[in-house]
Amino acid sequence: MEYAATITGTGSAFPEHRVTNHDIADRLAASNIETSDVWIRERTGIAERRFSTPGNSDEYNSSLGLAAAQKALEMAGKAPEDIDQIIYSTCTPDTIIPSTACWLQYKLGAVRAWGMDLNAACSGFIYGLTIADQFIRTNQVKTCLVVGAEILSSIINWQDRSSCILFGDGAGAAIVESAPSEFPHRILSSHLLSDGSLWELLHVPAGGSAQAATPDIMAQNLNKIHMNGREIFKIAVRTLTSFAMTALEKNGMTVDMLDWFIPHQANYRIIEAVAKRLELPMEKVLVNVDRYGNTSSATVPSMLDEAVRDGRIQKGQTVLLDAFGAGLTYGAILLRW
């Protein structure tokens, strides 16, 4: 028998603390860096984002992942012991060792599950969903929990006005289950790519084994995000458009046949530019970057969860997930809900 992967539950979670553009402007003003709510909105479309409170164990990465996972399990009608596999996408783990997947497995009580962390930055949830799809198709897994979660506030570079305004914290999760190969509500195809030659466009220089985060390194903010925003913008628009078209063409579809488009929520201007290139009306593009900022691997699953829960995404509709991230990494998944 051949198998397919179907998403049966979604969930999301965010810290309580809202950080407005005015809050960002006040913080930067203390360092004699000028910005404003208008400046941020015009360039990014972001009005606010959420930050975890340092030291609050309820808002650790794995804690947000736990909350999102519990909601996804409830929607799917599953218990923690039903999970065979946990794929946890994050570039801001609770700890280097053990993996955040293991922290979640312990907190959730998923006693039968094996878990692993995955770092593909903002493309991570799509990478994780693709891995789950492959394990399910080969009948090695029946039920998988895929999580994308980040505490990006921990690596924000507050000396860089162009990047510090973008990021927020959050988590999204999906329960992926096995179904017959021709089940109508399934992942139709996935498409991934990486280009390590472009690593310098978005990276954290220190904190790994190549360069330890010493006090001197930390004083230079080398353990924080460094980004070339102008180049990232151009590449993001090009690759998001290209991967969207690749996924549609693979399945014999045209843009007008698509019900919903969920792009990585990096910047509203990027999303607008991609929709324009695709000739896709913004009414079909799902966006929450204005309220949560860029939450990296959490953006796609949290937006998916929001649209499922508020009824915008209906059974039988076709949804395209599309992302790019540091690495650089790219990915798209076409699914029928």
Protein backbone atom coordinates (compact mmCIF):
# COMPACT_ATOMS: atom_id res chain seq x y z
CA MET A 1 0.00 0.00 0.00
CA GLU A 2 1.18 3.54 -0.78
CA TYR A 3 0.75 6.37 1.67
CA ALA A 4 0.33 10.15 1.75
CA ALA A 5 0.71 12.75 4.50
CA THR A 6 -2.21 14.83 5.72
CA ILE A 7 -2.26 17.65 8.27
CA THR A 8 -4.96 16.95 10.84
CA GLY A 9 -4.22 19.58 13.47
CA THR A 10 -2.52 22.95 13.85
CA GLY A 11 -1.58 25.15 16.77
CA SER A 12 0.32 28.32 17.60
CA ALA A 13 1.53 30.24 20.63
CA PHE A 14 3.11 33.61 21.36
CA PRO A 15 4.52 35.35 24.43
CA GLU A 16 2.20 37.78 26.21
CA HIS A 17 4.46 40.83 25.97
CA ARG A 18 3.57 43.05 23.01
CA VAL A 19 6.37 45.28 21.71
CA THR A 20 5.14 48.14 19.56
CA ASN A 21 7.14 50.20 17.10
CA HIS A 22 7.03 53.03 19.63
CA ASP A 23 8.68 50.71 22.18
CA ILE A 24 11.40 49.89 19.64
CA ALA A 25 11.93 53.57 18.89
CA ASP A 26 12.28 54.37 22.60
CA ARG A 27 14.82 51.59 23.09
CA LEU A 28 16.92 52.69 20.12
CA ALA A 29 16.76 56.33 21.21
CA ALA A 30 18.65 55.36 24.36
CA SER A 31 21.54 54.36 22.05
CA ASN A 32 21.17 57.52 19.93
CA ILE A 33 19.69 55.51 17.04
CA GLU A 34 16.73 57.22 15.43
CA THR A 35 13.62 55.46 14.16
CA SER A 36 9.85 55.82 14.42
CA ASP A 37 6.58 53.96 14.08
CA VAL A 38 6.04 55.52 10.63
CA TRP A 39 9.56 54.59 9.45
CA ILE A 40 9.09 50.96 10.50
CA ARG A 41 5.56 50.61 9.08
CA GLU A 42 6.52 52.09 5.72
CA ARG A 43 9.48 49.72 5.26
CA THR A 44 8.15 46.51 6.78
CA GLY A 45 4.40 46.68 7.41
CA ILE A 46 5.05 45.65 11.02
CA ALA A 47 3.14 47.36 13.83
CA GLU A 48 4.09 45.12 16.76
CA ARG A 49 5.70 41.85 17.70
CA ARG A 50 5.92 39.61 20.80
CA PHE A 51 8.99 39.14 23.00
CA SER A 52 9.47 36.42 25.57
CA THR A 53 10.37 37.57 29.06
CA PRO A 54 13.95 36.44 29.84
CA GLY A 55 14.00 33.86 32.62
CA ASN A 56 10.30 33.04 32.33
CA SER A 57 10.22 29.27 31.93
CA ASP A 58 6.68 29.47 30.53
CA GLU A 59 8.09 31.37 27.56
CA TYR A 60 11.14 29.29 26.71
CA ASN A 61 11.30 28.11 23.13
CA SER A 62 10.19 24.61 24.13
CA SER A 63 7.38 26.06 26.27
CA LEU A 64 5.92 27.96 23.31
CA GLY A 65 6.39 24.82 21.22
CA LEU A 66 4.56 22.84 23.91
CA ALA A 67 1.58 25.21 23.89
CA ALA A 68 1.36 25.11 20.10
CA ALA A 69 1.71 21.31 20.05
CA GLN A 70 -1.05 20.83 22.63
CA LYS A 71 -3.45 22.90 20.53
CA ALA A 72 -2.53 20.92 17.40
CA LEU A 73 -3.08 17.62 19.23
CA GLU A 74 -6.48 18.77 20.47
CA MET A 75 -7.57 19.73 16.94
CA ALA A 76 -6.36 16.40 15.57
CA GLY A 77 -8.03 14.41 18.35
CA LYS A 78 -4.71 12.86 19.33
CA ALA A 79 -2.88 12.25 22.60
CA PRO A 80 0.87 12.76 23.20
CA GLU A 81 1.43 9.00 23.28
CA ASP A 82 0.10 8.77 19.71
CA ILE A 83 3.11 10.68 18.37
CA ASP A 84 5.82 8.62 16.67
CA GLN A 85 8.15 11.44 15.65
CA ILE A 86 8.90 15.06 16.61
CA ILE A 87 10.64 17.35 14.13
CA TYR A 88 11.51 20.66 15.76
CA SER A 89 12.65 23.55 13.58
CA THR A 90 14.53 26.31 15.38
CA CYS A 91 17.71 28.39 15.18
CA THR A 92 17.26 29.63 18.77
CA PRO A 93 17.12 26.39 20.80
CA ASP A 94 16.64 26.18 24.55
CA THR A 95 20.04 24.52 24.80
CA ILE A 96 22.66 23.24 22.39
CA ILE A 97 22.44 19.87 24.15
CA PRO A 98 19.89 18.40 24.59
CA SER A 99 17.84 19.26 21.52
CA THR A 100 14.70 21.31 21.94
CA ALA A 101 12.83 18.36 20.41
CA CYS A 102 13.87 16.32 23.45
CA TRP A 103 12.79 19.09 25.83
CA LEU A 104 9.40 19.12 24.11
CA GLN A 105 9.12 15.33 24.11
CA TYR A 106 9.72 15.35 27.87
CA LYS A 107 7.35 18.26 28.62
CA LEU A 108 4.61 16.90 26.37
CA GLY A 109 4.87 13.32 27.60
CA ALA A 110 5.23 11.91 24.10
CA VAL A 111 6.76 8.73 25.49
CA ARG A 112 6.77 6.81 22.19
CA ALA A 113 8.28 9.55 20.06
CA TRP A 114 11.81 10.10 18.85
CA GLY A 115 12.74 13.70 18.11
CA MET A 116 15.31 15.87 16.39
CA ASP A 117 16.08 19.55 15.90
CA LEU A 118 16.33 21.06 12.45
CA ASN A 119 17.99 24.38 11.63
CA ALA A 120 16.98 25.80 8.26
CA ALA A 121 16.10 29.21 9.76
CA CYS A 122 12.92 30.69 8.25
CA SER A 123 12.43 27.76 5.85
CA GLY A 124 12.59 25.29 8.73
CA PHE A 125 8.91 24.42 9.08
CA ILE A 126 8.68 23.60 5.37
CA TYR A 127 11.85 21.49 5.65
CA GLY A 128 10.35 19.73 8.68
CA LEU A 129 7.02 19.12 6.97
CA THR A 130 8.88 17.66 3.98
CA ILE A 131 10.80 15.26 6.23
CA ALA A 132 7.56 14.19 7.93
CA ASP A 133 6.00 13.63 4.51
CA GLN A 134 8.86 11.34 3.47
CA PHE A 135 8.76 9.27 6.68
CA ILE A 136 5.03 8.85 6.30
CA ARG A 137 5.18 7.98 2.60
CA THR A 138 7.66 5.21 3.36
CA ASN A 139 5.41 3.92 6.18
CA GLN A 140 8.04 4.43 8.90
CA VAL A 141 5.85 6.89 10.79
CA LYS A 142 2.09 7.12 11.31
CA THR A 143 1.84 10.36 13.30
CA CYS A 144 4.40 13.16 13.34
CA LEU A 145 4.51 16.44 15.24
CA VAL A 146 6.24 19.23 13.32
CA VAL A 147 7.08 22.42 15.22
CA GLY A 148 8.60 25.72 14.17
CA ALA A 149 9.50 27.93 17.14
CA GLU A 150 11.88 30.82 17.81
CA ILE A 151 13.03 33.20 20.51
CA LEU A 152 14.63 35.66 18.10
CA SER A 153 14.60 38.41 20.73
CA SER A 154 17.61 36.58 22.22
CA ILE A 155 19.79 37.26 19.14
CA ILE A 156 18.55 40.68 17.98
CA ASN A 157 21.34 43.13 17.18
CA TRP A 158 20.16 46.36 18.78
CA GLN A 159 22.89 48.32 17.03
CA ASP A 160 21.42 47.56 13.60
CA ARG A 161 18.28 49.60 12.96
CA SER A 162 17.47 47.79 9.72
CA SER A 163 17.22 44.34 11.33
CA CYS A 164 16.25 44.86 14.98
CA ILE A 165 12.81 46.16 13.97
CA LEU A 166 11.88 42.94 12.17
CA PHE A 167 11.94 40.04 14.59
CA GLY A 168 9.63 38.51 17.17
CA ASP A 169 9.08 35.31 19.15
CA GLY A 170 6.50 32.59 18.63
CA ALA A 171 5.70 29.00 17.75
CA GLY A 172 3.56 27.04 15.34
CA ALA A 173 2.86 23.31 15.12
CA ALA A 174 1.16 20.73 12.96
CA ILE A 175 0.11 17.11 13.43
CA VAL A 176 0.86 15.16 10.25
CA GLU A 177 -0.71 11.75 9.83
CA SER A 178 -0.61 8.83 7.41
CA ALA A 179 -3.41 8.44 4.87
CA PRO A 180 -4.02 6.43 1.68
CA SER A 181 -1.96 7.75 -1.24
CA GLU A 182 -4.95 9.24 -3.08
CA PHE A 183 -6.53 10.78 0.01
CA PRO A 184 -7.83 14.17 -1.21
CA HIS A 185 -6.60 16.21 1.77
CA ARG A 186 -2.84 15.68 1.52
CA ILE A 187 0.56 17.19 0.85
CA LEU A 188 0.80 17.23 -2.94
CA SER A 189 4.49 18.07 -3.39
CA SER A 190 7.48 19.70 -1.71
CA HIS A 191 10.46 21.56 -3.17
CA LEU A 192 13.67 22.45 -1.29
CA LEU A 193 17.00 24.12 -2.06
CA SER A 194 19.98 25.61 -0.23
CA ASP A 195 22.73 28.01 -1.34
CA GLY A 196 25.53 28.19 1.22
CA SER A 197 27.50 30.62 -0.93
CA LEU A 198 25.12 33.36 0.23
CA TRP A 199 25.68 32.69 3.95
CA GLU A 200 26.98 36.19 4.67
CA LEU A 201 23.70 37.88 3.77
CA LEU A 202 22.05 36.68 6.99
CA HIS A 203 24.07 35.07 9.77
CA VAL A 204 25.14 35.06 13.40
CA PRO A 205 28.97 35.14 13.29
CA ALA A 206 29.76 33.81 16.77
CA GLY A 207 28.37 31.40 19.31
CA GLY A 208 29.20 28.14 17.56
CA SER A 209 32.35 26.04 17.66
CA ALA A 210 34.08 28.16 15.00
CA GLN A 211 33.98 31.28 17.17
CA ALA A 212 33.08 31.15 20.83
CA ALA A 213 30.91 33.89 22.33
CA THR A 214 33.58 35.43 24.57
CA PRO A 215 32.96 38.72 26.41
CA ASP A 216 34.92 40.58 23.72
CA ILE A 217 32.92 38.94 20.94
CA MET A 218 29.66 39.72 22.71
CA ALA A 219 30.68 43.35 23.16
CA GLN A 220 30.94 43.55 19.36
CA ASN A 221 27.47 41.99 18.92
CA LEU A 222 28.99 39.14 16.91
CA ASN A 223 26.67 36.69 18.69
CA LYS A 224 23.69 38.55 17.22
CA ILE A 225 21.99 38.69 13.81
CA HIS A 226 23.89 40.37 10.96
CA MET A 227 21.89 40.98 7.80
CA ASN A 228 22.24 42.63 4.40
CA GLY A 229 18.62 43.68 4.07
CA ARG A 230 18.80 45.15 0.59
CA GLU A 231 20.23 41.96 -0.97
CA ILE A 232 17.97 39.70 1.08
CA PHE A 233 14.93 41.61 -0.21
CA LYS A 234 15.86 41.05 -3.86
CA ILE A 235 16.69 37.36 -3.41
CA ALA A 236 13.57 36.73 -1.31
CA VAL A 237 11.25 38.17 -3.95
CA ARG A 238 12.93 36.20 -6.72
CA THR A 239 13.07 32.86 -4.91
CA LEU A 240 9.62 33.00 -3.33
CA THR A 241 8.17 33.67 -6.77
CA SER A 242 10.24 30.94 -8.41
CA PHE A 243 9.42 28.27 -5.81
CA ALA A 244 5.72 29.12 -5.91
CA MET A 245 5.68 28.62 -9.67
CA THR A 246 7.70 25.40 -9.41
CA ALA A 247 5.19 23.90 -6.96
CA LEU A 248 2.20 24.91 -9.08
CA GLU A 249 3.71 23.66 -12.33
CA LYS A 250 4.67 20.35 -10.73
CA ASN A 251 1.00 19.77 -10.00
CA GLY A 252 -0.35 21.06 -13.31
CA MET A 253 -1.85 24.13 -11.70
CA THR A 254 -1.92 27.83 -12.54
CA VAL A 255 -1.90 30.74 -10.09
CA ASP A 256 -5.62 31.39 -10.53
CA MET A 257 -6.36 27.85 -9.30
CA LEU A 258 -4.73 28.57 -5.92
CA ASP A 259 -7.04 29.27 -2.98
CA TRP A 260 -4.49 30.53 -0.45
CA PHE A 261 -0.84 31.57 -0.41
CA ILE A 262 1.11 31.56 2.87
CA PRO A 263 4.55 33.09 2.31
CA HIS A 264 7.21 33.51 4.96
CA GLN A 265 6.27 36.58 6.98
CA ALA A 266 9.56 38.46 6.73
CA ASN A 267 8.39 41.84 5.49
CA TYR A 268 5.06 42.99 4.08
CA ARG A 269 6.81 44.73 1.18
CA ILE A 270 8.43 41.43 0.15
CA ILE A 271 5.04 39.69 0.30
CA GLU A 272 3.44 42.42 -1.82
CA ALA A 273 6.22 42.20 -4.41
CA VAL A 274 5.89 38.42 -4.69
CA ALA A 275 2.11 38.61 -5.08
CA LYS A 276 2.55 41.20 -7.82
CA ARG A 277 5.04 39.01 -9.70
CA LEU A 278 2.70 36.03 -9.41
CA GLU A 279 -0.27 38.18 -10.45
CA LEU A 280 -1.99 36.88 -7.33
CA PRO A 281 -4.52 39.18 -5.63
CA MET A 282 -3.59 40.10 -2.07
CA GLU A 283 -7.02 38.82 -1.02
CA LYS A 284 -5.58 35.31 -1.46
CA VAL A 285 -2.40 36.04 0.52
CA LEU A 286 -2.47 35.30 4.25
CA VAL A 287 -0.53 37.80 6.36
CA ASN A 288 0.15 38.23 10.09
CA VAL A 289 3.56 39.94 9.95
CA ASP A 290 1.90 43.21 10.98
CA ARG A 291 1.02 41.72 14.39
CA TYR A 292 3.91 39.33 15.07
CA GLY A 293 6.87 40.45 12.98
CA ASN A 294 9.27 37.90 11.53
CA THR A 295 9.22 34.83 13.78
CA SER A 296 11.44 32.80 11.41
CA SER A 297 10.38 29.14 11.28
CA ALA A 298 7.20 29.95 13.25
CA THR A 299 5.74 32.32 10.64
CA VAL A 300 4.28 29.78 8.22
CA PRO A 301 2.75 27.35 10.76
CA SER A 302 1.35 30.14 12.95
CA MET A 303 -0.30 31.79 9.94
CA LEU A 304 -1.64 28.43 8.80
CA ASP A 305 -3.11 27.80 12.24
CA GLU A 306 -4.71 31.23 12.41
CA ALA A 307 -6.40 30.83 9.03
CA VAL A 308 -7.63 27.31 9.80
CA ARG A 309 -9.10 28.38 13.13
CA ASP A 310 -10.85 31.49 11.85
CA GLY A 311 -12.38 29.57 8.95
CA ARG A 312 -10.62 31.19 6.03
CA ILE A 313 -9.02 27.89 5.02
CA GLN A 314 -11.76 25.37 4.20
CA LYS A 315 -11.65 21.65 3.44
CA GLY A 316 -10.77 20.92 -0.17
CA GLN A 317 -8.95 24.20 -0.73
CA THR A 318 -5.43 24.35 -2.14
CA VAL A 319 -2.79 26.08 0.00
CA LEU A 320 0.75 26.99 -1.01
CA LEU A 321 3.42 27.39 1.71
CA ASP A 322 6.54 29.27 0.60
CA ALA A 323 9.66 30.36 2.51
CA PHE A 324 13.28 31.49 2.37
CA GLY A 325 15.77 31.79 5.20
CA ALA A 326 19.35 32.13 6.35
CA GLY A 327 21.72 29.62 4.84
CA LEU A 328 20.36 30.56 2.43
CA THR A 329 17.50 28.05 2.39
CA TYR A 330 14.38 27.92 0.27
CA GLY A 331 11.28 25.76 0.23
CA ALA A 332 7.69 25.41 -0.92
CA ILE A 333 4.91 22.91 -0.24
CA LEU A 334 1.60 22.62 -2.06
CA LEU A 335 -1.18 20.90 -0.15
CA ARG A 336 -4.90 20.33 -0.37
CA TRP A 337 -6.53 21.04 2.97
